[in-house]
Amino acid sequence: MGFDPTTLKYDASGLIPCISQSADTNEVLMMAWMNADAVAKTLETKRVTYWSRSRQAFWIKGETSGHVQELVDLRIDCDRDCLLAIVRQTGAACHTNRRVCFYTSVIDGTEVELMKPMT
């Protein structure tokens, strides 16, 4: 019997957060939203597919930028309301052209930029 994405717990908009993590470095790369169809497409194609809330459309990571996320493993948290995509990341994960989206730290009440955009 196969996995049924509709068994996950989605929010009122039908979305579930998905954190992507590098299979190679274990870095947390980014967080984006998926709906049940995006989960199914991701599992089917092994190309991580998110749901764009602003465009109300599927967003296959790297489709236009070339910064592809190839799915290695998709994990479900204990409450079934959050996903972890273990991926092989090509290029930058962040739309700002940084390796990760979490590039700002709050240190002693001050924001500190931890990395510059990739060149």
Protein backbone atom coordinates (compact mmCIF):
# COMPACT_ATOMS: atom_id res chain seq x y z
CA MET A 1 0.00 0.00 0.00
CA GLY A 2 1.40 3.41 -0.97
CA PHE A 3 1.69 6.63 1.00
CA ASP A 4 -1.34 8.92 0.85
CA PRO A 5 -0.39 12.64 1.15
CA THR A 6 -3.94 13.48 2.28
CA THR A 7 -3.21 11.74 5.61
CA LEU A 8 -0.95 14.64 6.62
CA LYS A 9 -2.26 17.53 8.75
CA TYR A 10 -2.58 20.66 6.62
CA ASP A 11 -3.48 24.16 7.82
CA ALA A 12 -6.77 25.90 7.02
CA SER A 13 -5.36 26.86 3.58
CA GLY A 14 -4.50 23.24 2.80
CA LEU A 15 -0.76 23.80 3.28
CA ILE A 16 1.99 22.12 5.28
CA PRO A 17 5.45 23.61 6.00
CA CYS A 18 8.39 21.78 4.46
CA ILE A 19 11.94 22.36 5.67
CA SER A 20 14.69 21.38 3.27
CA GLN A 21 18.00 20.07 4.59
CA SER A 22 21.16 19.26 2.67
CA ALA A 23 21.89 15.54 2.42
CA ASP A 24 25.57 16.40 2.06
CA THR A 25 26.16 19.00 4.82
CA ASN A 26 23.05 18.63 7.04
CA GLU A 27 22.52 22.41 6.73
CA VAL A 28 18.96 23.67 6.99
CA LEU A 29 18.50 25.29 3.58
CA MET A 30 15.03 26.83 3.51
CA MET A 31 11.36 26.48 4.42
CA ALA A 32 8.48 26.63 1.99
CA TRP A 33 4.89 25.40 1.76
CA MET A 34 3.42 22.34 0.10
CA ASN A 35 -0.12 21.18 -0.53
CA ALA A 36 -1.09 17.52 -0.98
CA ASP A 37 -0.52 17.70 -4.76
CA ALA A 38 2.96 19.23 -4.28
CA VAL A 39 3.84 16.41 -1.86
CA ALA A 40 2.65 13.84 -4.41
CA LYS A 41 4.55 15.52 -7.28
CA THR A 42 7.72 15.69 -5.17
CA LEU A 43 7.54 11.98 -4.38
CA GLU A 44 6.73 11.08 -7.98
CA THR A 45 9.40 13.18 -9.72
CA LYS A 46 12.08 13.42 -6.97
CA ARG A 47 12.23 17.16 -7.81
CA VAL A 48 11.08 19.15 -4.79
CA THR A 49 7.85 20.94 -5.66
CA TYR A 50 6.40 23.63 -3.43
CA TRP A 51 3.19 25.66 -3.50
CA SER A 52 3.66 29.38 -4.05
CA ARG A 53 1.15 31.24 -1.88
CA SER A 54 1.72 34.53 -3.75
CA ARG A 55 1.31 33.05 -7.24
CA GLN A 56 -1.14 30.31 -6.24
CA ALA A 57 0.84 27.89 -8.39
CA PHE A 58 3.29 25.01 -8.14
CA TRP A 59 6.92 25.98 -7.85
CA ILE A 60 9.48 23.33 -8.78
CA LYS A 61 12.68 24.37 -7.04
CA GLY A 62 15.28 25.28 -9.64
CA GLU A 63 12.91 25.26 -12.62
CA THR A 64 13.94 28.77 -13.64
CA SER A 65 17.15 29.33 -11.62
CA GLY A 66 18.78 25.94 -12.16
CA HIS A 67 19.22 25.68 -8.37
CA VAL A 68 17.52 22.29 -8.21
CA GLN A 69 16.58 20.30 -5.14
CA GLU A 70 16.73 16.56 -5.83
CA LEU A 71 14.77 14.62 -3.21
CA VAL A 72 16.75 12.03 -1.26
CA ASP A 73 14.19 11.40 1.51
CA LEU A 74 10.92 12.95 2.66
CA ARG A 75 10.28 12.73 6.40
CA ILE A 76 7.12 13.40 8.39
CA ASP A 77 7.27 14.84 11.90
CA CYS A 78 5.59 13.16 14.88
CA ASP A 79 2.45 15.35 14.66
CA ARG A 80 2.21 14.86 10.86
CA ASP A 81 2.00 18.65 10.40
CA CYS A 82 5.50 19.43 9.14
CA LEU A 83 7.79 17.84 6.54
CA LEU A 84 11.55 17.56 6.23
CA ALA A 85 12.91 17.15 2.71
CA ILE A 86 16.44 15.77 2.64
CA VAL A 87 17.81 17.05 -0.66
CA ARG A 88 20.80 17.31 -2.92
CA GLN A 89 20.97 21.04 -3.56
CA THR A 90 22.49 22.41 -6.77
CA GLY A 91 23.57 26.04 -6.33
CA ALA A 92 21.95 28.45 -3.90
CA ALA A 93 18.83 27.42 -1.97
CA CYS A 94 17.76 31.02 -1.24
CA HIS A 95 16.22 33.36 -3.82
CA THR A 96 18.80 35.95 -2.63
CA ASN A 97 21.47 33.67 -4.15
CA ARG A 98 22.76 32.59 -0.75
CA ARG A 99 23.52 28.97 0.08
CA VAL A 100 20.74 28.97 2.71
CA CYS A 101 17.77 31.18 3.57
CA PHE A 102 18.76 31.37 7.24
CA TYR A 103 21.67 33.77 6.76
CA THR A 104 20.75 36.34 9.43
CA SER A 105 21.47 35.77 13.11
CA VAL A 106 20.32 37.86 16.07
CA ILE A 107 23.33 38.30 18.34
CA ASP A 108 22.98 40.41 21.49
CA GLY A 109 19.87 42.05 20.01
CA THR A 110 21.55 42.92 16.72
CA GLU A 111 20.98 41.33 13.32
CA VAL A 112 24.19 39.95 11.86
CA GLU A 113 24.50 38.78 8.24
CA LEU A 114 26.28 35.43 8.30
CA MET A 115 26.91 35.00 4.58
CA LYS A 116 26.99 36.99 1.38
CA PRO A 117 25.30 35.97 -1.88
CA MET A 118 27.15 33.35 -3.91
CA THR A 119 29.13 34.61 -6.88
